[in-house]
Amino acid sequence: MSNRRPASPIARLRRIYDPAALCHTLAVELLDHGKQCDHTFTITRASFAYYAPDVNVDPYIQILEELGAHCDCEVAYNVCAKYA
């Protein structure tokens, strides 16, 4: 029987795409450009489309949801503030 613990959600995020890069994009869009959160992952999806077009964003969003984020502004408050 293996004693390996499952990877933490943040470790799984880092394997897919750097959360610090996403947090930077969210900060620029939400704070600097004054965009309003539409309570979806619009900015997160756009960030992936631009910076990591070959990466499937859906598993990443599932992990973000495990961490308590259910839209872009919650990623900023619940994930970026703690992990990036």
C-alpha atoms as a PDB file:
ATOM      1  CA  MET A   1       0.000   0.000   0.000  1.00  0.00           C
ATOM      2  CA  SER A   2       1.362   3.427  -0.941  1.00  0.00           C
ATOM      3  CA  ASN A   3       1.953   6.057   1.728  1.00  0.00           C
ATOM      4  CA  ARG A   4       1.892   8.856  -0.827  1.00  0.00           C
ATOM      5  CA  ARG A   5      -0.544  11.601  -0.018  1.00  0.00           C
ATOM      6  CA  PRO A   6      -2.607  13.045  -2.832  1.00  0.00           C
ATOM      7  CA  ALA A   7      -1.220  16.291  -4.204  1.00  0.00           C
ATOM      8  CA  SER A   8      -2.678  19.439  -2.700  1.00  0.00           C
ATOM      9  CA  PRO A   9      -4.995  21.497  -4.900  1.00  0.00           C
ATOM     10  CA  ILE A  10      -2.399  24.257  -5.254  1.00  0.00           C
ATOM     11  CA  ALA A  11       0.262  21.719  -6.308  1.00  0.00           C
ATOM     12  CA  ARG A  12      -2.153  20.388  -8.918  1.00  0.00           C
ATOM     13  CA  LEU A  13      -2.773  23.962 -10.134  1.00  0.00           C
ATOM     14  CA  ARG A  14       0.951  24.552 -10.540  1.00  0.00           C
ATOM     15  CA  ARG A  15       1.294  21.442 -12.702  1.00  0.00           C
ATOM     16  CA  ILE A  16      -1.233  22.843 -15.167  1.00  0.00           C
ATOM     17  CA  TYR A  17      -0.542  26.597 -15.215  1.00  0.00           C
ATOM     18  CA  ASP A  18       1.239  29.031 -12.912  1.00  0.00           C
ATOM     19  CA  PRO A  19      -1.339  30.510 -10.508  1.00  0.00           C
ATOM     20  CA  ALA A  20       0.832  33.623 -10.064  1.00  0.00           C
ATOM     21  CA  ALA A  21       0.489  34.363 -13.779  1.00  0.00           C
ATOM     22  CA  LEU A  22      -3.278  34.021 -13.584  1.00  0.00           C
ATOM     23  CA  CYS A  23      -3.381  36.215 -10.471  1.00  0.00           C
ATOM     24  CA  HIS A  24      -1.384  38.891 -12.282  1.00  0.00           C
ATOM     25  CA  THR A  25      -3.831  38.829 -15.196  1.00  0.00           C
ATOM     26  CA  LEU A  26      -6.797  39.058 -12.817  1.00  0.00           C
ATOM     27  CA  ALA A  27      -5.220  41.992 -10.976  1.00  0.00           C
ATOM     28  CA  VAL A  28      -4.580  43.869 -14.211  1.00  0.00           C
ATOM     29  CA  GLU A  29      -8.062  43.251 -15.571  1.00  0.00           C
ATOM     30  CA  LEU A  30     -10.088  43.715 -12.367  1.00  0.00           C
ATOM     31  CA  LEU A  31      -8.059  46.462 -10.695  1.00  0.00           C
ATOM     32  CA  ASP A  32      -6.052  48.325 -13.309  1.00  0.00           C
ATOM     33  CA  HIS A  33      -8.587  48.152 -16.126  1.00  0.00           C
ATOM     34  CA  GLY A  34     -11.600  48.381 -13.833  1.00  0.00           C
ATOM     35  CA  LYS A  35     -13.452  45.421 -15.320  1.00  0.00           C
ATOM     36  CA  GLN A  36     -16.378  44.151 -13.301  1.00  0.00           C
ATOM     37  CA  CYS A  37     -16.544  40.500 -12.398  1.00  0.00           C
ATOM     38  CA  ASP A  38     -19.457  38.907 -14.213  1.00  0.00           C
ATOM     39  CA  HIS A  39     -19.393  36.035 -11.689  1.00  0.00           C
ATOM     40  CA  THR A  40     -18.018  33.580 -14.223  1.00  0.00           C
ATOM     41  CA  PHE A  41     -14.484  32.558 -15.176  1.00  0.00           C
ATOM     42  CA  THR A  42     -14.405  34.863 -18.218  1.00  0.00           C
ATOM     43  CA  ILE A  43     -11.004  36.411 -17.437  1.00  0.00           C
ATOM     44  CA  THR A  44      -9.536  33.061 -16.369  1.00  0.00           C
ATOM     45  CA  ARG A  45     -10.664  31.469 -19.631  1.00  0.00           C
ATOM     46  CA  ALA A  46      -9.349  34.428 -21.658  1.00  0.00           C
ATOM     47  CA  SER A  47      -5.997  34.193 -19.875  1.00  0.00           C
ATOM     48  CA  PHE A  48      -5.708  30.527 -20.810  1.00  0.00           C
ATOM     49  CA  ALA A  49      -6.774  31.210 -24.388  1.00  0.00           C
ATOM     50  CA  TYR A  50      -4.041  33.818 -24.728  1.00  0.00           C
ATOM     51  CA  TYR A  51      -1.139  32.458 -22.654  1.00  0.00           C
ATOM     52  CA  ALA A  52      -1.756  28.705 -22.751  1.00  0.00           C
ATOM     53  CA  PRO A  53      -3.976  27.967 -25.753  1.00  0.00           C
ATOM     54  CA  ASP A  54      -3.081  24.270 -25.796  1.00  0.00           C
ATOM     55  CA  VAL A  55      -4.053  23.738 -22.149  1.00  0.00           C
ATOM     56  CA  ASN A  56      -7.544  22.533 -21.228  1.00  0.00           C
ATOM     57  CA  VAL A  57      -8.824  25.087 -18.710  1.00  0.00           C
ATOM     58  CA  ASP A  58     -11.636  22.923 -17.304  1.00  0.00           C
ATOM     59  CA  PRO A  59      -9.520  20.803 -14.899  1.00  0.00           C
ATOM     60  CA  TYR A  60      -7.899  24.016 -13.654  1.00  0.00           C
ATOM     61  CA  ILE A  61     -11.290  25.592 -12.979  1.00  0.00           C
ATOM     62  CA  GLN A  62     -12.386  22.461 -11.103  1.00  0.00           C
ATOM     63  CA  ILE A  63      -9.387  22.860  -8.804  1.00  0.00           C
ATOM     64  CA  LEU A  64     -10.111  26.572  -8.345  1.00  0.00           C
ATOM     65  CA  GLU A  65     -13.625  25.608  -7.272  1.00  0.00           C
ATOM     66  CA  GLU A  66     -12.172  23.125  -4.750  1.00  0.00           C
ATOM     67  CA  LEU A  67     -10.267  26.091  -3.311  1.00  0.00           C
ATOM     68  CA  GLY A  68     -13.472  28.117  -2.913  1.00  0.00           C
ATOM     69  CA  ALA A  69     -13.404  30.171  -6.107  1.00  0.00           C
ATOM     70  CA  HIS A  70     -16.479  30.111  -8.311  1.00  0.00           C
ATOM     71  CA  CYS A  71     -15.714  33.143 -10.497  1.00  0.00           C
ATOM     72  CA  ASP A  72     -12.814  35.461 -11.362  1.00  0.00           C
ATOM     73  CA  CYS A  73     -13.192  37.773  -8.349  1.00  0.00           C
ATOM     74  CA  GLU A  74     -13.312  34.779  -6.000  1.00  0.00           C
ATOM     75  CA  VAL A  75     -10.100  33.476  -7.566  1.00  0.00           C
ATOM     76  CA  ALA A  76      -8.542  36.838  -6.669  1.00  0.00           C
ATOM     77  CA  TYR A  77      -9.837  36.776  -3.094  1.00  0.00           C
ATOM     78  CA  ASN A  78      -9.775  33.059  -2.254  1.00  0.00           C
ATOM     79  CA  VAL A  79      -6.813  31.778  -4.226  1.00  0.00           C
ATOM     80  CA  CYS A  80      -4.471  34.626  -5.145  1.00  0.00           C
ATOM     81  CA  ALA A  81      -4.492  36.142  -1.675  1.00  0.00           C
ATOM     82  CA  LYS A  82      -3.528  32.798  -0.112  1.00  0.00           C
ATOM     83  CA  TYR A  83      -1.403  30.961  -2.640  1.00  0.00           C
ATOM     84  CA  ALA A  84       0.177  33.244  -5.221  1.00  0.00           C
END
